[in-house]
Amino acid sequence: MIDFDDEQIKRLRSCCECPRRCGTDRFSSMGYCRSTPVPKLASANLHYGEEPPISGSRGSGTIFFTGCNLSCVFCQNYPISQLNHGREIDLDTLVETMLDLERRGAHNINFVTPTHATVALEVAIPAARKLGLGIPIVYNSSGYDSIDQLRRIDGLIDIYMPDIRYSDSDVALRLSNAADYPKVNRAALIEMYRQVGDLDIARDGIASRGLLVRHLVLPGGLAGTESALDFLRNKISPKTHVSLMTQYFPAYKAVDMPDLNRRIDSDEWKTALAAFEKSGLDGWVQEFK
């Protein structure tokens, strides 16, 4: 049976892993992320709807963790992130889940909402590697990650796939209760890029290493798309791969918010698309419906 070491237990006893730094003893109570030392498992399956170099032909081995260190009013997975739906697991189960997804043909292991799981990943990923796990590890986060925790998983992550959600602190506070999101997010993206560099896509079309950044276009320009893309081009790399997403729909608390209770319109999408084309960045654009 694998377990945390003394130093990891000490950190979990007064958890300051993520930017919230709430200091919760995760062995006896739940902090902002509402998580135990090993977060609950919401689901684990082959997923075919990620970006082409992530899902490929055989699917991405997605492991969805319950809980989140953000409180996005429009979260489309709110039963998982906010209502704590999922089943309790231990580190051995997490390792076996990774190995099972590889046996089923997954191109990679894709940890979804892993920010509050980084201590568990410090243990589980090396353990899985020792047992023969040979596919890339994807860290699929909101981008609200601390430099300290990212540095502790340096060398364990092959592909970082974070969001860049907001460019304005007031918007980030109102929509995700994280006024420092733009500052924290941009620092995290710089660190992620330092670790893995530009996205490396093999001849078979599957990514093996690098940074892929997601940006969800919000109604009313609330996501600050042009500013976000400018940052990626000028402060990360002009070769940054971006996934520009149109899939926003009002969910959770957004259904009762006048500026968020609708999908984006064609003019908003054209503005975002023009900003993407102007940036010269590579990547993928979701179809506007």
C-alpha atoms as a PDB file:
ATOM      1  CA  MET A   1       0.000   0.000   0.000  1.00  0.00           C
ATOM      2  CA  ILE A   2       1.466   3.359  -1.013  1.00  0.00           C
ATOM      3  CA  ASP A   3       1.119   6.407   1.204  1.00  0.00           C
ATOM      4  CA  PHE A   4       2.267   9.975   1.735  1.00  0.00           C
ATOM      5  CA  ASP A   5       5.662  10.620   3.290  1.00  0.00           C
ATOM      6  CA  ASP A   6       6.124  12.688   6.432  1.00  0.00           C
ATOM      7  CA  GLU A   7       6.784  15.933   4.569  1.00  0.00           C
ATOM      8  CA  GLN A   8       3.681  15.522   2.410  1.00  0.00           C
ATOM      9  CA  ILE A   9       1.550  14.723   5.461  1.00  0.00           C
ATOM     10  CA  LYS A  10       2.849  17.879   7.138  1.00  0.00           C
ATOM     11  CA  ARG A  11       1.812  19.949   4.131  1.00  0.00           C
ATOM     12  CA  LEU A  12      -1.640  18.366   4.061  1.00  0.00           C
ATOM     13  CA  ARG A  13      -2.058  19.029   7.790  1.00  0.00           C
ATOM     14  CA  SER A  14      -1.965  22.753   7.036  1.00  0.00           C
ATOM     15  CA  CYS A  15      -2.693  22.907   3.336  1.00  0.00           C
ATOM     16  CA  CYS A  16      -1.302  25.906   1.479  1.00  0.00           C
ATOM     17  CA  GLU A  17      -0.751  24.115  -1.821  1.00  0.00           C
ATOM     18  CA  CYS A  18      -2.990  26.251  -4.041  1.00  0.00           C
ATOM     19  CA  PRO A  19      -3.166  30.060  -4.226  1.00  0.00           C
ATOM     20  CA  ARG A  20      -5.983  30.105  -1.638  1.00  0.00           C
ATOM     21  CA  ARG A  21      -3.512  29.013   1.076  1.00  0.00           C
ATOM     22  CA  CYS A  22      -6.408  28.267   3.425  1.00  0.00           C
ATOM     23  CA  GLY A  23      -4.302  26.263   5.907  1.00  0.00           C
ATOM     24  CA  THR A  24      -6.874  23.503   6.376  1.00  0.00           C
ATOM     25  CA  ASP A  25      -5.996  20.160   7.944  1.00  0.00           C
ATOM     26  CA  ARG A  26      -7.261  17.990   5.108  1.00  0.00           C
ATOM     27  CA  PHE A  27      -7.154  14.858   7.258  1.00  0.00           C
ATOM     28  CA  SER A  28      -9.862  16.208   9.577  1.00  0.00           C
ATOM     29  CA  SER A  29     -11.786  18.882   7.653  1.00  0.00           C
ATOM     30  CA  MET A  30     -12.296  20.304   4.182  1.00  0.00           C
ATOM     31  CA  GLY A  31     -10.938  23.615   2.996  1.00  0.00           C
ATOM     32  CA  TYR A  32     -11.993  25.806   0.104  1.00  0.00           C
ATOM     33  CA  CYS A  33     -11.613  22.934  -2.364  1.00  0.00           C
ATOM     34  CA  ARG A  34     -13.782  20.640  -0.194  1.00  0.00           C
ATOM     35  CA  SER A  35     -11.255  17.849  -0.557  1.00  0.00           C
ATOM     36  CA  THR A  36      -9.674  15.103   1.495  1.00  0.00           C
ATOM     37  CA  PRO A  37      -5.927  14.352   1.012  1.00  0.00           C
ATOM     38  CA  VAL A  38      -6.770  12.196  -2.008  1.00  0.00           C
ATOM     39  CA  PRO A  39      -9.669  13.966  -3.737  1.00  0.00           C
ATOM     40  CA  LYS A  40     -12.795  12.002  -4.560  1.00  0.00           C
ATOM     41  CA  LEU A  41     -12.978  10.451  -8.011  1.00  0.00           C
ATOM     42  CA  ALA A  42     -15.878  11.773 -10.080  1.00  0.00           C
ATOM     43  CA  SER A  43     -15.193   9.622 -13.142  1.00  0.00           C
ATOM     44  CA  ALA A  44     -12.454   7.861 -15.084  1.00  0.00           C
ATOM     45  CA  ASN A  45     -12.939   6.995 -18.723  1.00  0.00           C
ATOM     46  CA  LEU A  46     -11.727   7.356 -22.277  1.00  0.00           C
ATOM     47  CA  HIS A  47     -12.689  10.789 -23.571  1.00  0.00           C
ATOM     48  CA  TYR A  48     -12.886  11.606 -27.270  1.00  0.00           C
ATOM     49  CA  GLY A  49     -13.922  15.265 -27.070  1.00  0.00           C
ATOM     50  CA  GLU A  50     -10.617  16.882 -26.122  1.00  0.00           C
ATOM     51  CA  GLU A  51      -8.398  18.687 -28.610  1.00  0.00           C
ATOM     52  CA  PRO A  52      -7.226  16.431 -31.493  1.00  0.00           C
ATOM     53  CA  PRO A  53      -3.652  15.822 -30.232  1.00  0.00           C
ATOM     54  CA  ILE A  54      -5.005  14.905 -26.800  1.00  0.00           C
ATOM     55  CA  SER A  55      -7.928  12.618 -27.689  1.00  0.00           C
ATOM     56  CA  GLY A  56      -6.459  11.209 -30.876  1.00  0.00           C
ATOM     57  CA  SER A  57      -8.173   8.076 -32.185  1.00  0.00           C
ATOM     58  CA  ARG A  58      -8.164   6.032 -28.979  1.00  0.00           C
ATOM     59  CA  GLY A  59      -9.246   8.670 -26.479  1.00  0.00           C
ATOM     60  CA  SER A  60      -7.696  10.525 -23.587  1.00  0.00           C
ATOM     61  CA  GLY A  61      -7.695   8.721 -20.251  1.00  0.00           C
ATOM     62  CA  THR A  62      -9.509  11.345 -18.225  1.00  0.00           C
ATOM     63  CA  ILE A  63      -9.594  11.223 -14.432  1.00  0.00           C
ATOM     64  CA  PHE A  64     -12.040  13.814 -13.070  1.00  0.00           C
ATOM     65  CA  PHE A  65     -11.392  14.857  -9.490  1.00  0.00           C
ATOM     66  CA  THR A  66     -14.232  16.084  -7.278  1.00  0.00           C
ATOM     67  CA  GLY A  67     -13.876  19.585  -5.821  1.00  0.00           C
ATOM     68  CA  CYS A  68     -12.203  22.754  -7.051  1.00  0.00           C
ATOM     69  CA  ASN A  69     -10.318  25.757  -5.702  1.00  0.00           C
ATOM     70  CA  LEU A  70     -12.440  28.136  -7.770  1.00  0.00           C
ATOM     71  CA  SER A  71     -16.144  28.976  -7.446  1.00  0.00           C
ATOM     72  CA  CYS A  72     -17.109  29.767 -11.036  1.00  0.00           C
ATOM     73  CA  VAL A  73     -20.729  30.886 -11.239  1.00  0.00           C
ATOM     74  CA  PHE A  74     -21.053  29.342 -14.712  1.00  0.00           C
ATOM     75  CA  CYS A  75     -19.394  25.978 -13.992  1.00  0.00           C
ATOM     76  CA  GLN A  76     -20.771  23.341 -16.332  1.00  0.00           C
ATOM     77  CA  ASN A  77     -19.513  20.569 -14.031  1.00  0.00           C
ATOM     78  CA  TYR A  78     -20.871  22.088 -10.817  1.00  0.00           C
ATOM     79  CA  PRO A  79     -22.255  18.796  -9.393  1.00  0.00           C
ATOM     80  CA  ILE A  80     -18.626  17.624  -9.366  1.00  0.00           C
ATOM     81  CA  SER A  81     -16.779  20.835  -8.606  1.00  0.00           C
ATOM     82  CA  GLN A  82     -19.191  22.478  -6.174  1.00  0.00           C
ATOM     83  CA  LEU A  83     -21.600  19.807  -4.880  1.00  0.00           C
ATOM     84  CA  ASN A  84     -18.908  17.214  -4.137  1.00  0.00           C
ATOM     85  CA  HIS A  85     -20.336  14.318  -6.158  1.00  0.00           C
ATOM     86  CA  GLY A  86     -17.856  11.449  -6.411  1.00  0.00           C
ATOM     87  CA  ARG A  87     -16.494   8.404  -4.622  1.00  0.00           C
ATOM     88  CA  GLU A  88     -13.690   8.217  -2.108  1.00  0.00           C
ATOM     89  CA  ILE A  89     -10.476   6.532  -3.257  1.00  0.00           C
ATOM     90  CA  ASP A  90      -6.984   5.911  -1.910  1.00  0.00           C
ATOM     91  CA  LEU A  91      -3.630   6.312  -3.616  1.00  0.00           C
ATOM     92  CA  ASP A  92      -3.501   2.665  -4.692  1.00  0.00           C
ATOM     93  CA  THR A  93      -6.862   3.032  -6.417  1.00  0.00           C
ATOM     94  CA  LEU A  94      -5.636   6.148  -8.185  1.00  0.00           C
ATOM     95  CA  VAL A  95      -2.573   4.300  -9.466  1.00  0.00           C
ATOM     96  CA  GLU A  96      -4.632   1.323 -10.635  1.00  0.00           C
ATOM     97  CA  THR A  97      -7.064   3.674 -12.394  1.00  0.00           C
ATOM     98  CA  MET A  98      -4.178   5.158 -14.370  1.00  0.00           C
ATOM     99  CA  LEU A  99      -2.868   1.741 -15.355  1.00  0.00           C
ATOM    100  CA  ASP A 100      -6.326   0.535 -16.343  1.00  0.00           C
ATOM    101  CA  LEU A 101      -6.855   3.499 -18.669  1.00  0.00           C
ATOM    102  CA  GLU A 102      -3.539   2.744 -20.358  1.00  0.00           C
ATOM    103  CA  ARG A 103      -4.556  -0.909 -20.785  1.00  0.00           C
ATOM    104  CA  ARG A 104      -7.766   0.299 -22.429  1.00  0.00           C
ATOM    105  CA  GLY A 105      -5.733   2.162 -25.047  1.00  0.00           C
ATOM    106  CA  ALA A 106      -5.630   5.751 -23.783  1.00  0.00           C
ATOM    107  CA  HIS A 107      -3.112   8.036 -25.462  1.00  0.00           C
ATOM    108  CA  ASN A 108      -2.438   9.766 -22.144  1.00  0.00           C
ATOM    109  CA  ILE A 109      -3.576  10.135 -18.539  1.00  0.00           C
ATOM    110  CA  ASN A 110      -5.537  13.387 -18.306  1.00  0.00           C
ATOM    111  CA  PHE A 111      -6.048  14.712 -14.771  1.00  0.00           C
ATOM    112  CA  VAL A 112      -9.018  17.092 -14.823  1.00  0.00           C
ATOM    113  CA  THR A 113      -9.201  19.724 -12.048  1.00  0.00           C
ATOM    114  CA  PRO A 114      -5.996  18.478 -10.409  1.00  0.00           C
ATOM    115  CA  THR A 115      -4.913  21.620  -8.551  1.00  0.00           C
ATOM    116  CA  HIS A 116      -6.101  20.324  -5.171  1.00  0.00           C
ATOM    117  CA  ALA A 117      -4.664  16.867  -5.965  1.00  0.00           C
ATOM    118  CA  THR A 118      -1.013  17.756  -6.523  1.00  0.00           C
ATOM    119  CA  VAL A 119       0.239  16.130  -3.298  1.00  0.00           C
ATOM    120  CA  ALA A 120      -1.518  12.911  -4.301  1.00  0.00           C
ATOM    121  CA  LEU A 121      -0.017  13.172  -7.780  1.00  0.00           C
ATOM    122  CA  GLU A 122       3.477  13.495  -6.281  1.00  0.00           C
ATOM    123  CA  VAL A 123       2.982   9.957  -4.951  1.00  0.00           C
ATOM    124  CA  ALA A 124       0.723   8.346  -7.547  1.00  0.00           C
ATOM    125  CA  ILE A 125       2.546   9.268 -10.751  1.00  0.00           C
ATOM    126  CA  PRO A 126       5.974   7.855  -9.732  1.00  0.00           C
ATOM    127  CA  ALA A 127       4.250   4.755  -8.337  1.00  0.00           C
ATOM    128  CA  ALA A 128       2.430   4.200 -11.622  1.00  0.00           C
ATOM    129  CA  ARG A 129       5.620   4.735 -13.598  1.00  0.00           C
ATOM    130  CA  LYS A 130       7.375   2.073 -11.514  1.00  0.00           C
ATOM    131  CA  LEU A 131       4.566  -0.327 -12.412  1.00  0.00           C
ATOM    132  CA  GLY A 132       5.039   0.329 -16.121  1.00  0.00           C
ATOM    133  CA  LEU A 133       2.880   3.347 -17.005  1.00  0.00           C
ATOM    134  CA  GLY A 134       4.350   4.592 -20.261  1.00  0.00           C
ATOM    135  CA  ILE A 135       1.991   7.255 -21.624  1.00  0.00           C
ATOM    136  CA  PRO A 136       2.154  11.046 -21.113  1.00  0.00           C
ATOM    137  CA  ILE A 137       0.572  12.773 -18.125  1.00  0.00           C
ATOM    138  CA  VAL A 138      -1.726  15.737 -18.851  1.00  0.00           C
ATOM    139  CA  TYR A 139      -2.388  18.371 -16.173  1.00  0.00           C
ATOM    140  CA  ASN A 140      -5.761  19.853 -17.176  1.00  0.00           C
ATOM    141  CA  SER A 141      -6.437  22.737 -14.795  1.00  0.00           C
ATOM    142  CA  SER A 142      -8.258  26.036 -14.416  1.00  0.00           C
ATOM    143  CA  GLY A 143      -4.855  27.706 -14.400  1.00  0.00           C
ATOM    144  CA  TYR A 144      -5.323  28.870 -10.806  1.00  0.00           C
ATOM    145  CA  ASP A 145      -2.187  27.090  -9.609  1.00  0.00           C
ATOM    146  CA  SER A 146       0.602  28.254  -7.315  1.00  0.00           C
ATOM    147  CA  ILE A 147       4.233  28.354  -8.363  1.00  0.00           C
ATOM    148  CA  ASP A 148       5.231  26.247  -5.349  1.00  0.00           C
ATOM    149  CA  GLN A 149       2.942  23.361  -6.205  1.00  0.00           C
ATOM    150  CA  LEU A 150       3.874  23.463  -9.876  1.00  0.00           C
ATOM    151  CA  ARG A 151       7.559  23.275  -9.025  1.00  0.00           C
ATOM    152  CA  ARG A 152       6.928  20.245  -6.821  1.00  0.00           C
ATOM    153  CA  ILE A 153       5.452  18.349  -9.777  1.00  0.00           C
ATOM    154  CA  ASP A 154       8.138  19.508 -12.208  1.00  0.00           C
ATOM    155  CA  GLY A 155       9.272  16.432 -14.128  1.00  0.00           C
ATOM    156  CA  LEU A 156       6.074  14.491 -13.463  1.00  0.00           C
ATOM    157  CA  ILE A 157       3.889  16.342 -15.988  1.00  0.00           C
ATOM    158  CA  ASP A 158       4.393  15.977 -19.731  1.00  0.00           C
ATOM    159  CA  ILE A 159       1.585  18.195 -21.015  1.00  0.00           C
ATOM    160  CA  TYR A 160       0.102  21.202 -19.260  1.00  0.00           C
ATOM    161  CA  MET A 161      -3.391  22.102 -20.470  1.00  0.00           C
ATOM    162  CA  PRO A 162      -4.512  25.078 -18.352  1.00  0.00           C
ATOM    163  CA  ASP A 163      -7.189  27.689 -18.902  1.00  0.00           C
ATOM    164  CA  ILE A 164      -6.571  31.386 -19.280  1.00  0.00           C
ATOM    165  CA  ARG A 165     -10.006  32.555 -18.111  1.00  0.00           C
ATOM    166  CA  TYR A 166      -9.879  36.242 -17.274  1.00  0.00           C
ATOM    167  CA  SER A 167      -7.838  39.350 -17.927  1.00  0.00           C
ATOM    168  CA  ASP A 168      -9.633  41.574 -15.405  1.00  0.00           C
ATOM    169  CA  SER A 169      -9.460  41.166 -11.618  1.00  0.00           C
ATOM    170  CA  ASP A 170     -12.949  42.529 -10.961  1.00  0.00           C
ATOM    171  CA  VAL A 171     -14.462  40.039 -13.402  1.00  0.00           C
ATOM    172  CA  ALA A 172     -12.443  37.203 -11.854  1.00  0.00           C
ATOM    173  CA  LEU A 173     -13.683  38.163  -8.395  1.00  0.00           C
ATOM    174  CA  ARG A 174     -17.325  38.332  -9.430  1.00  0.00           C
ATOM    175  CA  LEU A 175     -17.356  35.182 -11.546  1.00  0.00           C
ATOM    176  CA  SER A 176     -14.892  32.916  -9.700  1.00  0.00           C
ATOM    177  CA  ASN A 177     -14.258  34.548  -6.314  1.00  0.00           C
ATOM    178  CA  ALA A 178     -10.590  34.973  -7.243  1.00  0.00           C
ATOM    179  CA  ALA A 179      -9.573  38.590  -7.733  1.00  0.00           C
ATOM    180  CA  ASP A 180      -5.940  37.510  -8.072  1.00  0.00           C
ATOM    181  CA  TYR A 181      -6.706  35.059 -10.898  1.00  0.00           C
ATOM    182  CA  PRO A 182      -5.096  37.108 -13.707  1.00  0.00           C
ATOM    183  CA  LYS A 183      -1.854  37.590 -11.754  1.00  0.00           C
ATOM    184  CA  VAL A 184      -1.712  34.021 -10.437  1.00  0.00           C
ATOM    185  CA  ASN A 185      -2.728  32.514 -13.768  1.00  0.00           C
ATOM    186  CA  ARG A 186      -0.133  34.343 -15.793  1.00  0.00           C
ATOM    187  CA  ALA A 187       2.644  33.419 -13.379  1.00  0.00           C
ATOM    188  CA  ALA A 188       1.491  29.789 -13.500  1.00  0.00           C
ATOM    189  CA  LEU A 189       1.496  29.744 -17.298  1.00  0.00           C
ATOM    190  CA  ILE A 190       5.049  31.069 -17.362  1.00  0.00           C
ATOM    191  CA  GLU A 191       6.139  28.312 -14.966  1.00  0.00           C
ATOM    192  CA  MET A 192       4.300  25.617 -16.930  1.00  0.00           C
ATOM    193  CA  TYR A 193       5.979  26.762 -20.128  1.00  0.00           C
ATOM    194  CA  ARG A 194       9.374  26.790 -18.412  1.00  0.00           C
ATOM    195  CA  GLN A 195       8.877  23.144 -17.539  1.00  0.00           C
ATOM    196  CA  VAL A 196       7.549  21.734 -20.813  1.00  0.00           C
ATOM    197  CA  GLY A 197       7.955  24.314 -23.608  1.00  0.00           C
ATOM    198  CA  ASP A 198       5.915  24.515 -26.797  1.00  0.00           C
ATOM    199  CA  LEU A 199       3.546  21.700 -27.682  1.00  0.00           C
ATOM    200  CA  ASP A 200       5.304  18.807 -29.400  1.00  0.00           C
ATOM    201  CA  ILE A 201       2.994  16.876 -31.732  1.00  0.00           C
ATOM    202  CA  ALA A 202       4.346  13.657 -33.206  1.00  0.00           C
ATOM    203  CA  ARG A 203       3.845  12.430 -36.772  1.00  0.00           C
ATOM    204  CA  ASP A 204       0.801  10.459 -35.656  1.00  0.00           C
ATOM    205  CA  GLY A 205      -0.848  13.700 -34.540  1.00  0.00           C
ATOM    206  CA  ILE A 206      -0.624  12.939 -30.809  1.00  0.00           C
ATOM    207  CA  ALA A 207       0.964  15.379 -28.362  1.00  0.00           C
ATOM    208  CA  SER A 208       3.836  14.042 -26.291  1.00  0.00           C
ATOM    209  CA  ARG A 209       4.928  17.131 -24.359  1.00  0.00           C
ATOM    210  CA  GLY A 210       4.354  20.864 -24.042  1.00  0.00           C
ATOM    211  CA  LEU A 211       1.829  23.584 -23.248  1.00  0.00           C
ATOM    212  CA  LEU A 212      -1.703  23.838 -24.665  1.00  0.00           C
ATOM    213  CA  VAL A 213      -3.808  26.732 -23.332  1.00  0.00           C
ATOM    214  CA  ARG A 214      -7.595  26.841 -23.374  1.00  0.00           C
ATOM    215  CA  HIS A 215      -9.659  30.023 -23.538  1.00  0.00           C
ATOM    216  CA  LEU A 216     -13.436  30.049 -23.177  1.00  0.00           C
ATOM    217  CA  VAL A 217     -15.119  33.018 -24.849  1.00  0.00           C
ATOM    218  CA  LEU A 218     -17.702  34.558 -22.501  1.00  0.00           C
ATOM    219  CA  PRO A 219     -20.684  36.812 -23.255  1.00  0.00           C
ATOM    220  CA  GLY A 220     -19.995  40.523 -23.286  1.00  0.00           C
ATOM    221  CA  GLY A 221     -16.271  40.087 -23.695  1.00  0.00           C
ATOM    222  CA  LEU A 222     -15.940  39.202 -20.005  1.00  0.00           C
ATOM    223  CA  ALA A 223     -13.049  36.795 -20.630  1.00  0.00           C
ATOM    224  CA  GLY A 224     -10.807  39.561 -22.023  1.00  0.00           C
ATOM    225  CA  THR A 225      -9.893  37.484 -25.058  1.00  0.00           C
ATOM    226  CA  GLU A 226      -7.624  39.924 -26.879  1.00  0.00           C
ATOM    227  CA  SER A 227      -5.595  40.672 -23.749  1.00  0.00           C
ATOM    228  CA  ALA A 228      -5.281  36.957 -22.954  1.00  0.00           C
ATOM    229  CA  LEU A 229      -4.013  36.136 -26.443  1.00  0.00           C
ATOM    230  CA  ASP A 230      -1.600  39.071 -26.388  1.00  0.00           C
ATOM    231  CA  PHE A 231      -0.132  37.733 -23.154  1.00  0.00           C
ATOM    232  CA  LEU A 232       0.331  34.263 -24.612  1.00  0.00           C
ATOM    233  CA  ARG A 233       2.018  35.605 -27.723  1.00  0.00           C
ATOM    234  CA  ASN A 234       4.268  38.160 -26.023  1.00  0.00           C
ATOM    235  CA  LYS A 235       5.034  36.624 -22.614  1.00  0.00           C
ATOM    236  CA  ILE A 236       4.834  32.869 -23.246  1.00  0.00           C
ATOM    237  CA  SER A 237       5.671  32.049 -26.863  1.00  0.00           C
ATOM    238  CA  PRO A 238       4.458  33.043 -30.345  1.00  0.00           C
ATOM    239  CA  LYS A 239       4.279  29.271 -30.943  1.00  0.00           C
ATOM    240  CA  THR A 240       1.825  28.690 -28.092  1.00  0.00           C
ATOM    241  CA  HIS A 241      -1.009  26.352 -29.036  1.00  0.00           C
ATOM    242  CA  VAL A 242      -4.428  27.695 -28.058  1.00  0.00           C
ATOM    243  CA  SER A 243      -7.854  26.112 -27.970  1.00  0.00           C
ATOM    244  CA  LEU A 244     -10.428  28.862 -28.535  1.00  0.00           C
ATOM    245  CA  MET A 245     -13.734  27.575 -27.221  1.00  0.00           C
ATOM    246  CA  THR A 246     -17.308  28.596 -28.007  1.00  0.00           C
ATOM    247  CA  GLN A 247     -19.017  26.045 -25.774  1.00  0.00           C
ATOM    248  CA  TYR A 248     -20.165  28.474 -23.078  1.00  0.00           C
ATOM    249  CA  PHE A 249     -23.753  28.055 -21.985  1.00  0.00           C
ATOM    250  CA  PRO A 250     -25.459  29.348 -18.828  1.00  0.00           C
ATOM    251  CA  ALA A 251     -25.194  26.784 -16.039  1.00  0.00           C
ATOM    252  CA  TYR A 252     -25.222  26.771 -12.248  1.00  0.00           C
ATOM    253  CA  LYS A 253     -25.674  30.329 -10.901  1.00  0.00           C
ATOM    254  CA  ALA A 254     -25.203  31.966 -14.312  1.00  0.00           C
ATOM    255  CA  VAL A 255     -28.765  31.119 -15.304  1.00  0.00           C
ATOM    256  CA  ASP A 256     -29.907  33.922 -12.975  1.00  0.00           C
ATOM    257  CA  MET A 257     -27.285  36.485 -13.979  1.00  0.00           C
ATOM    258  CA  PRO A 258     -28.456  38.888 -16.725  1.00  0.00           C
ATOM    259  CA  ASP A 259     -25.056  39.230 -18.390  1.00  0.00           C
ATOM    260  CA  LEU A 260     -24.348  35.493 -18.355  1.00  0.00           C
ATOM    261  CA  ASN A 261     -27.716  33.824 -18.932  1.00  0.00           C
ATOM    262  CA  ARG A 262     -27.186  33.418 -22.676  1.00  0.00           C
ATOM    263  CA  ARG A 263     -24.719  31.936 -25.121  1.00  0.00           C
ATOM    264  CA  ILE A 264     -22.280  34.177 -26.958  1.00  0.00           C
ATOM    265  CA  ASP A 265     -23.680  35.768 -30.117  1.00  0.00           C
ATOM    266  CA  SER A 266     -22.162  35.829 -33.601  1.00  0.00           C
ATOM    267  CA  ASP A 267     -20.645  39.301 -33.189  1.00  0.00           C
ATOM    268  CA  GLU A 268     -18.901  38.272 -29.966  1.00  0.00           C
ATOM    269  CA  TRP A 269     -17.573  35.182 -31.653  1.00  0.00           C
ATOM    270  CA  LYS A 270     -16.331  37.135 -34.691  1.00  0.00           C
ATOM    271  CA  THR A 271     -14.513  39.546 -32.365  1.00  0.00           C
ATOM    272  CA  ALA A 272     -12.826  36.685 -30.534  1.00  0.00           C
ATOM    273  CA  LEU A 273     -11.931  34.923 -33.779  1.00  0.00           C
ATOM    274  CA  ALA A 274     -10.438  38.135 -35.193  1.00  0.00           C
ATOM    275  CA  ALA A 275      -8.296  38.490 -32.066  1.00  0.00           C
ATOM    276  CA  PHE A 276      -7.108  34.904 -32.438  1.00  0.00           C
ATOM    277  CA  GLU A 277      -6.220  35.369 -36.092  1.00  0.00           C
ATOM    278  CA  LYS A 278      -4.453  38.650 -35.321  1.00  0.00           C
ATOM    279  CA  SER A 279      -2.376  36.969 -32.617  1.00  0.00           C
ATOM    280  CA  GLY A 280      -0.828  34.540 -35.095  1.00  0.00           C
ATOM    281  CA  LEU A 281      -0.983  31.782 -32.499  1.00  0.00           C
ATOM    282  CA  ASP A 282      -1.477  28.164 -33.521  1.00  0.00           C
ATOM    283  CA  GLY A 283      -4.240  25.898 -32.276  1.00  0.00           C
ATOM    284  CA  TRP A 284      -7.874  24.942 -32.638  1.00  0.00           C
ATOM    285  CA  VAL A 285     -11.139  26.823 -32.914  1.00  0.00           C
ATOM    286  CA  GLN A 286     -14.450  25.304 -31.928  1.00  0.00           C
ATOM    287  CA  GLU A 287     -17.283  25.563 -34.418  1.00  0.00           C
ATOM    288  CA  PHE A 288     -19.715  28.380 -33.630  1.00  0.00           C
ATOM    289  CA  LYS A 289     -23.302  27.128 -33.427  1.00  0.00           C
END
